[in-house]
PDB file of all heavy atoms in Angstrom:
ATOM      1  N   LEU A   1      71.775 -80.315 143.354  1.00  0.00           N
ATOM      2  CA  LEU A   1      72.430 -80.115 144.649  1.00  0.00           C
ATOM      3  C   LEU A   1      71.752 -80.937 145.733  1.00  0.00           C
ATOM      4  O   LEU A   1      70.538 -80.866 145.906  1.00  0.00           O
ATOM      5  CB  LEU A   1      72.377 -78.637 145.037  1.00  0.00           C
ATOM      6  CG  LEU A   1      72.764 -77.610 143.969  1.00  0.00           C
ATOM      7  CD1 LEU A   1      72.655 -76.198 144.524  1.00  0.00           C
ATOM      8  CD2 LEU A   1      74.154 -77.873 143.425  1.00  0.00           C
ATOM      9  N   VAL A   2      72.560 -81.689 146.472  1.00  0.00           N
ATOM     10  CA  VAL A   2      72.086 -82.448 147.629  1.00  0.00           C
ATOM     11  C   VAL A   2      72.843 -81.929 148.842  1.00  0.00           C
ATOM     12  O   VAL A   2      74.079 -81.941 148.863  1.00  0.00           O
ATOM     13  CB  VAL A   2      72.328 -83.964 147.456  1.00  0.00           C
ATOM     14  CG1 VAL A   2      71.904 -84.733 148.707  1.00  0.00           C
ATOM     15  CG2 VAL A   2      71.581 -84.487 146.231  1.00  0.00           C
ATOM     16  N   GLY A   3      72.112 -81.465 149.830  1.00  0.00           N
ATOM     17  CA  GLY A   3      72.725 -80.852 151.003  1.00  0.00           C
ATOM     18  C   GLY A   3      73.191 -81.859 152.035  1.00  0.00           C
ATOM     19  O   GLY A   3      73.142 -83.075 151.832  1.00  0.00           O
ATOM     20  N   GLY A   4      73.621 -81.330 153.159  1.00  0.00           N
ATOM     21  CA  GLY A   4      74.081 -82.149 154.269  1.00  0.00           C
ATOM     22  C   GLY A   4      72.922 -82.578 155.160  1.00  0.00           C
ATOM     23  O   GLY A   4      71.749 -82.480 154.763  1.00  0.00           O
ATOM     24  N   PRO A   5      73.221 -83.025 156.374  1.00  0.00           N
ATOM     25  CA  PRO A   5      72.189 -83.553 157.275  1.00  0.00           C
ATOM     26  C   PRO A   5      71.048 -82.576 157.569  1.00  0.00           C
ATOM     27  O   PRO A   5      69.911 -82.997 157.752  1.00  0.00           O
ATOM     28  CB  PRO A   5      72.961 -83.868 158.559  1.00  0.00           C
ATOM     29  CG  PRO A   5      74.366 -84.037 158.135  1.00  0.00           C
ATOM     30  CD  PRO A   5      74.564 -83.139 156.951  1.00  0.00           C
ATOM     31  N   GLU A   6      71.345 -81.295 157.593  1.00  0.00           N
ATOM     32  CA  GLU A   6      70.304 -80.298 157.878  1.00  0.00           C
ATOM     33  C   GLU A   6      69.674 -79.741 156.606  1.00  0.00           C
ATOM     34  O   GLU A   6      68.863 -78.821 156.661  1.00  0.00           O
ATOM     35  CB  GLU A   6      70.876 -79.126 158.696  1.00  0.00           C
ATOM     36  CG  GLU A   6      71.390 -79.505 160.061  1.00  0.00           C
ATOM     37  CD  GLU A   6      72.810 -80.062 160.008  1.00  0.00           C
ATOM     38  OE1 GLU A   6      73.513 -79.875 159.000  1.00  0.00           O
ATOM     39  OE2 GLU A   6      73.216 -80.706 160.993  1.00  0.00           O
ATOM     40  N   GLY A   7      70.053 -80.259 155.455  1.00  0.00           N
ATOM     41  CA  GLY A   7      69.538 -79.737 154.199  1.00  0.00           C
ATOM     42  C   GLY A   7      70.345 -78.547 153.734  1.00  0.00           C
ATOM     43  O   GLY A   7      71.442 -78.275 154.216  1.00  0.00           O
ATOM     44  N   HIS A   8      69.788 -77.817 152.783  1.00  0.00           N
ATOM     45  CA  HIS A   8      70.476 -76.663 152.208  1.00  0.00           C
ATOM     46  C   HIS A   8      70.297 -75.416 153.070  1.00  0.00           C
ATOM     47  O   HIS A   8      69.292 -75.248 153.751  1.00  0.00           O
ATOM     48  CB  HIS A   8      69.916 -76.353 150.817  1.00  0.00           C
ATOM     49  CG  HIS A   8      70.203 -77.400 149.812  1.00  0.00           C
ATOM     50  ND1 HIS A   8      71.472 -77.715 149.394  1.00  0.00           N
ATOM     51  CD2 HIS A   8      69.375 -78.232 149.133  1.00  0.00           C
ATOM     52  CE1 HIS A   8      71.413 -78.675 148.497  1.00  0.00           C
ATOM     53  NE2 HIS A   8      70.158 -79.013 148.325  1.00  0.00           N
ATOM     54  N   THR A   9      71.266 -74.538 152.968  1.00  0.00           N
ATOM     55  CA  THR A   9      71.141 -73.225 153.599  1.00  0.00           C
ATOM     56  C   THR A   9      70.234 -72.355 152.719  1.00  0.00           C
ATOM     57  O   THR A   9      69.975 -72.680 151.552  1.00  0.00           O
ATOM     58  CB  THR A   9      72.514 -72.537 153.722  1.00  0.00           C
ATOM     59  OG1 THR A   9      73.038 -72.326 152.404  1.00  0.00           O
ATOM     60  CG2 THR A   9      73.481 -73.360 154.573  1.00  0.00           C
ATOM     61  N   ASP A  10      69.781 -71.252 153.268  1.00  0.00           N
ATOM     62  CA  ASP A  10      68.950 -70.328 152.497  1.00  0.00           C
ATOM     63  C   ASP A  10      69.695 -69.808 151.268  1.00  0.00           C
ATOM     64  O   ASP A  10      69.100 -69.639 150.205  1.00  0.00           O
ATOM     65  CB  ASP A  10      68.498 -69.154 153.373  1.00  0.00           C
ATOM     66  CG  ASP A  10      67.479 -69.571 154.419  1.00  0.00           C
ATOM     67  OD1 ASP A  10      66.809 -70.611 154.229  1.00  0.00           O
ATOM     68  OD2 ASP A  10      67.349 -68.848 155.425  1.00  0.00           O
ATOM     69  N   ALA A  11      71.003 -69.576 151.402  1.00  0.00           N
ATOM     70  CA  ALA A  11      71.786 -69.061 150.276  1.00  0.00           C
ATOM     71  C   ALA A  11      71.815 -70.057 149.115  1.00  0.00           C
ATOM     72  O   ALA A  11      71.722 -69.655 147.953  1.00  0.00           O
ATOM     73  CB  ALA A  11      73.206 -68.727 150.718  1.00  0.00           C
ATOM     74  N   VAL A  12      71.923 -71.323 149.417  1.00  0.00           N
ATOM     75  CA  VAL A  12      71.923 -72.337 148.361  1.00  0.00           C
ATOM     76  C   VAL A  12      70.544 -72.414 147.712  1.00  0.00           C
ATOM     77  O   VAL A  12      70.425 -72.464 146.488  1.00  0.00           O
ATOM     78  CB  VAL A  12      72.370 -73.718 148.905  1.00  0.00           C
ATOM     79  CG1 VAL A  12      72.153 -74.813 147.871  1.00  0.00           C
ATOM     80  CG2 VAL A  12      73.834 -73.665 149.345  1.00  0.00           C
ATOM     81  N   ARG A  13      69.502 -72.384 148.523  1.00  0.00           N
ATOM     82  CA  ARG A  13      68.142 -72.415 147.951  1.00  0.00           C
ATOM     83  C   ARG A  13      67.891 -71.194 147.071  1.00  0.00           C
ATOM     84  O   ARG A  13      67.266 -71.298 146.025  1.00  0.00           O
ATOM     85  CB  ARG A  13      67.092 -72.526 149.060  1.00  0.00           C
ATOM     86  CG  ARG A  13      66.916 -73.954 149.571  1.00  0.00           C
ATOM     87  CD  ARG A  13      65.667 -74.078 150.441  1.00  0.00           C
ATOM     88  NE  ARG A  13      65.795 -73.352 151.689  1.00  0.00           N
ATOM     89  CZ  ARG A  13      66.383 -73.804 152.783  1.00  0.00           C
ATOM     90  NH1 ARG A  13      66.880 -75.022 152.820  1.00  0.00           N
ATOM     91  NH2 ARG A  13      66.449 -73.073 153.867  1.00  0.00           N
ATOM     92  N   ARG A  14      68.402 -70.040 147.475  1.00  0.00           N
ATOM     93  CA  ARG A  14      68.226 -68.824 146.662  1.00  0.00           C
ATOM     94  C   ARG A  14      68.985 -68.924 145.340  1.00  0.00           C
ATOM     95  O   ARG A  14      68.553 -68.396 144.326  1.00  0.00           O
ATOM     96  CB  ARG A  14      68.679 -67.579 147.428  1.00  0.00           C
ATOM     97  CG  ARG A  14      67.679 -67.085 148.452  1.00  0.00           C
ATOM     98  CD  ARG A  14      68.041 -65.705 148.980  1.00  0.00           C
ATOM     99  NE  ARG A  14      69.382 -65.625 149.538  1.00  0.00           N
ATOM    100  CZ  ARG A  14      69.683 -65.866 150.815  1.00  0.00           C
ATOM    101  NH1 ARG A  14      68.740 -66.218 151.678  1.00  0.00           N
ATOM    102  NH2 ARG A  14      70.930 -65.765 151.231  1.00  0.00           N
ATOM    103  N   ARG A  15      70.121 -69.598 145.343  1.00  0.00           N
ATOM    104  CA  ARG A  15      70.933 -69.745 144.129  1.00  0.00           C
ATOM    105  C   ARG A  15      70.258 -70.671 143.113  1.00  0.00           C
ATOM    106  O   ARG A  15      70.453 -70.557 141.909  1.00  0.00           O
ATOM    107  CB  ARG A  15      72.320 -70.276 144.490  1.00  0.00           C
ATOM    108  CG  ARG A  15      73.214 -70.633 143.318  1.00  0.00           C
ATOM    109  CD  ARG A  15      73.499 -69.434 142.426  1.00  0.00           C
ATOM    110  NE  ARG A  15      74.337 -69.782 141.304  1.00  0.00           N
ATOM    111  CZ  ARG A  15      73.893 -70.228 140.124  1.00  0.00           C
ATOM    112  NH1 ARG A  15      72.598 -70.375 139.912  1.00  0.00           N
ATOM    113  NH2 ARG A  15      74.737 -70.514 139.154  1.00  0.00           N
ATOM    114  N   ALA A  16      69.452 -71.586 143.606  1.00  0.00           N
ATOM    115  CA  ALA A  16      68.796 -72.558 142.727  1.00  0.00           C
ATOM    116  C   ALA A  16      67.702 -71.894 141.896  1.00  0.00           C
ATOM    117  O   ALA A  16      67.002 -71.007 142.369  1.00  0.00           O
ATOM    118  CB  ALA A  16      68.209 -73.687 143.564  1.00  0.00           C
ATOM    119  N   HIS A  17      67.580 -72.353 140.678  1.00  0.00           N
ATOM    120  CA  HIS A  17      66.480 -71.919 139.820  1.00  0.00           C
ATOM    121  C   HIS A  17      65.181 -72.606 140.230  1.00  0.00           C
ATOM    122  O   HIS A  17      64.103 -72.045 140.061  1.00  0.00           O
ATOM    123  CB  HIS A  17      66.780 -72.249 138.353  1.00  0.00           C
ATOM    124  CG  HIS A  17      67.945 -71.493 137.807  1.00  0.00           C
ATOM    125  ND1 HIS A  17      69.207 -72.032 137.729  1.00  0.00           N
ATOM    126  CD2 HIS A  17      68.034 -70.240 137.313  1.00  0.00           C
ATOM    127  CE1 HIS A  17      70.031 -71.140 137.202  1.00  0.00           C
ATOM    128  NE2 HIS A  17      69.342 -70.036 136.950  1.00  0.00           N
ATOM    129  N   GLU A  18      65.323 -73.818 140.744  1.00  0.00           N
ATOM    130  CA  GLU A  18      64.157 -74.609 141.170  1.00  0.00           C
ATOM    131  C   GLU A  18      64.538 -75.467 142.367  1.00  0.00           C
ATOM    132  O   GLU A  18      65.703 -75.805 142.556  1.00  0.00           O
ATOM    133  CB  GLU A  18      63.710 -75.575 140.066  1.00  0.00           C
ATOM    134  CG  GLU A  18      63.146 -74.949 138.838  1.00  0.00           C
ATOM    135  CD  GLU A  18      62.612 -76.010 137.883  1.00  0.00           C
ATOM    136  OE1 GLU A  18      61.834 -76.890 138.328  1.00  0.00           O
ATOM    137  OE2 GLU A  18      62.970 -75.949 136.696  1.00  0.00           O
ATOM    138  N   LEU A  19      63.511 -75.860 143.106  1.00  0.00           N
ATOM    139  CA  LEU A  19      63.650 -76.857 144.160  1.00  0.00           C
ATOM    140  C   LEU A  19      62.862 -78.079 143.731  1.00  0.00           C
ATOM    141  O   LEU A  19      61.706 -77.970 143.319  1.00  0.00           O
ATOM    142  CB  LEU A  19      63.096 -76.336 145.489  1.00  0.00           C
ATOM    143  CG  LEU A  19      63.705 -75.064 146.068  1.00  0.00           C
ATOM    144  CD1 LEU A  19      63.002 -74.695 147.369  1.00  0.00           C
ATOM    145  CD2 LEU A  19      65.195 -75.200 146.274  1.00  0.00           C
ATOM    146  N   TRP A  20      63.485 -79.246 143.822  1.00  0.00           N
ATOM    147  CA  TRP A  20      62.811 -80.507 143.517  1.00  0.00           C
ATOM    148  C   TRP A  20      62.808 -81.370 144.772  1.00  0.00           C
ATOM    149  O   TRP A  20      63.728 -81.322 145.590  1.00  0.00           O
ATOM    150  CB  TRP A  20      63.535 -81.284 142.435  1.00  0.00           C
ATOM    151  CG  TRP A  20      63.439 -80.734 141.045  1.00  0.00           C
ATOM    152  CD1 TRP A  20      62.811 -79.594 140.635  1.00  0.00           C
ATOM    153  CD2 TRP A  20      64.021 -81.312 139.876  1.00  0.00           C
ATOM    154  NE1 TRP A  20      62.959 -79.439 139.279  1.00  0.00           N
ATOM    155  CE2 TRP A  20      63.694 -80.472 138.785  1.00  0.00           C
ATOM    156  CE3 TRP A  20      64.787 -82.450 139.645  1.00  0.00           C
ATOM    157  CZ2 TRP A  20      64.109 -80.755 137.484  1.00  0.00           C
ATOM    158  CZ3 TRP A  20      65.196 -82.721 138.355  1.00  0.00           C
ATOM    159  CH2 TRP A  20      64.856 -81.890 137.285  1.00  0.00           C
ATOM    160  N   SER A  21      61.785 -82.178 144.885  1.00  0.00           N
ATOM    161  CA  SER A  21      61.692 -83.141 145.976  1.00  0.00           C
ATOM    162  C   SER A  21      61.568 -84.536 145.386  1.00  0.00           C
ATOM    163  O   SER A  21      60.883 -84.726 144.379  1.00  0.00           O
ATOM    164  CB  SER A  21      60.462 -82.841 146.842  1.00  0.00           C
ATOM    165  OG  SER A  21      60.280 -83.870 147.795  1.00  0.00           O
ATOM    166  N   LEU A  22      62.212 -85.490 146.017  1.00  0.00           N
ATOM    167  CA  LEU A  22      62.076 -86.890 145.603  1.00  0.00           C
ATOM    168  C   LEU A  22      60.887 -87.558 146.282  1.00  0.00           C
ATOM    169  O   LEU A  22      60.657 -88.738 146.107  1.00  0.00           O
ATOM    170  CB  LEU A  22      63.364 -87.673 145.904  1.00  0.00           C
ATOM    171  CG  LEU A  22      64.581 -87.246 145.100  1.00  0.00           C
ATOM    172  CD1 LEU A  22      65.811 -88.039 145.533  1.00  0.00           C
ATOM    173  CD2 LEU A  22      64.340 -87.412 143.609  1.00  0.00           C
ATOM    174  N   GLY A  23      60.150 -86.802 147.062  1.00  0.00           N
ATOM    175  CA  GLY A  23      58.978 -87.339 147.747  1.00  0.00           C
ATOM    176  C   GLY A  23      58.933 -86.851 149.179  1.00  0.00           C
ATOM    177  O   GLY A  23      59.833 -86.160 149.656  1.00  0.00           O
ATOM    178  N   ARG A  24      57.881 -87.227 149.853  1.00  0.00           N
ATOM    179  CA  ARG A  24      57.680 -86.741 151.211  1.00  0.00           C
ATOM    180  C   ARG A  24      58.459 -87.527 152.258  1.00  0.00           C
ATOM    181  O   ARG A  24      58.598 -87.087 153.395  1.00  0.00           O
ATOM    182  CB  ARG A  24      56.183 -86.762 151.529  1.00  0.00           C
ATOM    183  CG  ARG A  24      55.441 -85.729 150.661  1.00  0.00           C
ATOM    184  CD  ARG A  24      53.948 -85.751 150.819  1.00  0.00           C
ATOM    185  NE  ARG A  24      53.570 -85.659 152.213  1.00  0.00           N
ATOM    186  CZ  ARG A  24      52.403 -86.081 152.693  1.00  0.00           C
ATOM    187  NH1 ARG A  24      51.510 -86.613 151.893  1.00  0.00           N
ATOM    188  NH2 ARG A  24      52.134 -85.958 153.969  1.00  0.00           N
ATOM    189  N   LEU A  25      58.974 -88.678 151.884  1.00  0.00           N
ATOM    190  CA  LEU A  25      59.774 -89.458 152.820  1.00  0.00           C
ATOM    191  C   LEU A  25      61.142 -88.812 153.003  1.00  0.00           C
ATOM    192  O   LEU A  25      61.685 -88.225 152.072  1.00  0.00           O
ATOM    193  CB  LEU A  25      59.985 -90.879 152.300  1.00  0.00           C
ATOM    194  CG  LEU A  25      58.762 -91.761 152.172  1.00  0.00           C
ATOM    195  CD1 LEU A  25      59.136 -93.067 151.485  1.00  0.00           C
ATOM    196  CD2 LEU A  25      58.171 -92.046 153.544  1.00  0.00           C
ATOM    197  N   THR A  26      61.706 -88.943 154.184  1.00  0.00           N
ATOM    198  CA  THR A  26      63.079 -88.525 154.405  1.00  0.00           C
ATOM    199  C   THR A  26      63.968 -89.701 154.028  1.00  0.00           C
ATOM    200  O   THR A  26      63.808 -90.801 154.564  1.00  0.00           O
ATOM    201  CB  THR A  26      63.309 -88.143 155.882  1.00  0.00           C
ATOM    202  OG1 THR A  26      62.429 -87.063 156.207  1.00  0.00           O
ATOM    203  CG2 THR A  26      64.739 -87.736 156.124  1.00  0.00           C
ATOM    204  N   LEU A  27      64.870 -89.456 153.085  1.00  0.00           N
ATOM    205  CA  LEU A  27      65.777 -90.506 152.626  1.00  0.00           C
ATOM    206  C   LEU A  27      67.183 -90.238 153.137  1.00  0.00           C
ATOM    207  O   LEU A  27      67.609 -89.080 153.188  1.00  0.00           O
ATOM    208  CB  LEU A  27      65.801 -90.546 151.092  1.00  0.00           C
ATOM    209  CG  LEU A  27      64.487 -90.829 150.389  1.00  0.00           C
ATOM    210  CD1 LEU A  27      64.658 -90.672 148.882  1.00  0.00           C
ATOM    211  CD2 LEU A  27      63.994 -92.230 150.731  1.00  0.00           C
ATOM    212  N   PRO A  28      67.914 -91.286 153.472  1.00  0.00           N
ATOM    213  CA  PRO A  28      69.314 -91.065 153.834  1.00  0.00           C
ATOM    214  C   PRO A  28      70.075 -90.541 152.615  1.00  0.00           C
ATOM    215  O   PRO A  28      69.832 -90.977 151.490  1.00  0.00           O
ATOM    216  CB  PRO A  28      69.812 -92.447 154.261  1.00  0.00           C
ATOM    217  CG  PRO A  28      68.786 -93.421 153.823  1.00  0.00           C
ATOM    218  CD  PRO A  28      67.527 -92.683 153.533  1.00  0.00           C
ATOM    219  N   HIS A  29      70.969 -89.608 152.836  1.00  0.00           N
ATOM    220  CA  HIS A  29      71.641 -88.951 151.730  1.00  0.00           C
ATOM    221  C   HIS A  29      72.398 -89.903 150.807  1.00  0.00           C
ATOM    222  O   HIS A  29      72.396 -89.686 149.591  1.00  0.00           O
ATOM    223  CB  HIS A  29      72.519 -87.817 152.247  1.00  0.00           C
ATOM    224  CG  HIS A  29      71.694 -86.660 152.720  1.00  0.00           C
ATOM    225  ND1 HIS A  29      71.934 -85.379 152.336  1.00  0.00           N
ATOM    226  CD2 HIS A  29      70.594 -86.596 153.512  1.00  0.00           C
ATOM    227  CE1 HIS A  29      71.037 -84.576 152.877  1.00  0.00           C
ATOM    228  NE2 HIS A  29      70.220 -85.297 153.600  1.00  0.00           N
ATOM    229  N   PRO A  30      73.032 -90.961 151.325  1.00  0.00           N
ATOM    230  CA  PRO A  30      73.657 -91.904 150.389  1.00  0.00           C
ATOM    231  C   PRO A  30      72.631 -92.540 149.436  1.00  0.00           C
ATOM    232  O   PRO A  30      72.901 -92.687 148.246  1.00  0.00           O
ATOM    233  CB  PRO A  30      74.288 -92.959 151.296  1.00  0.00           C
ATOM    234  CG  PRO A  30      74.536 -92.243 152.572  1.00  0.00           C
ATOM    235  CD  PRO A  30      73.375 -91.283 152.716  1.00  0.00           C
TER     236      PRO A  30
END
């Protein structure tokens, strides 16, 4: 799951089994 400009809502994060990060940089969603 990739969220919108503000990221995921709490409900989406709760639904996930895990959270992954592609790194500490902020990347444009495209």
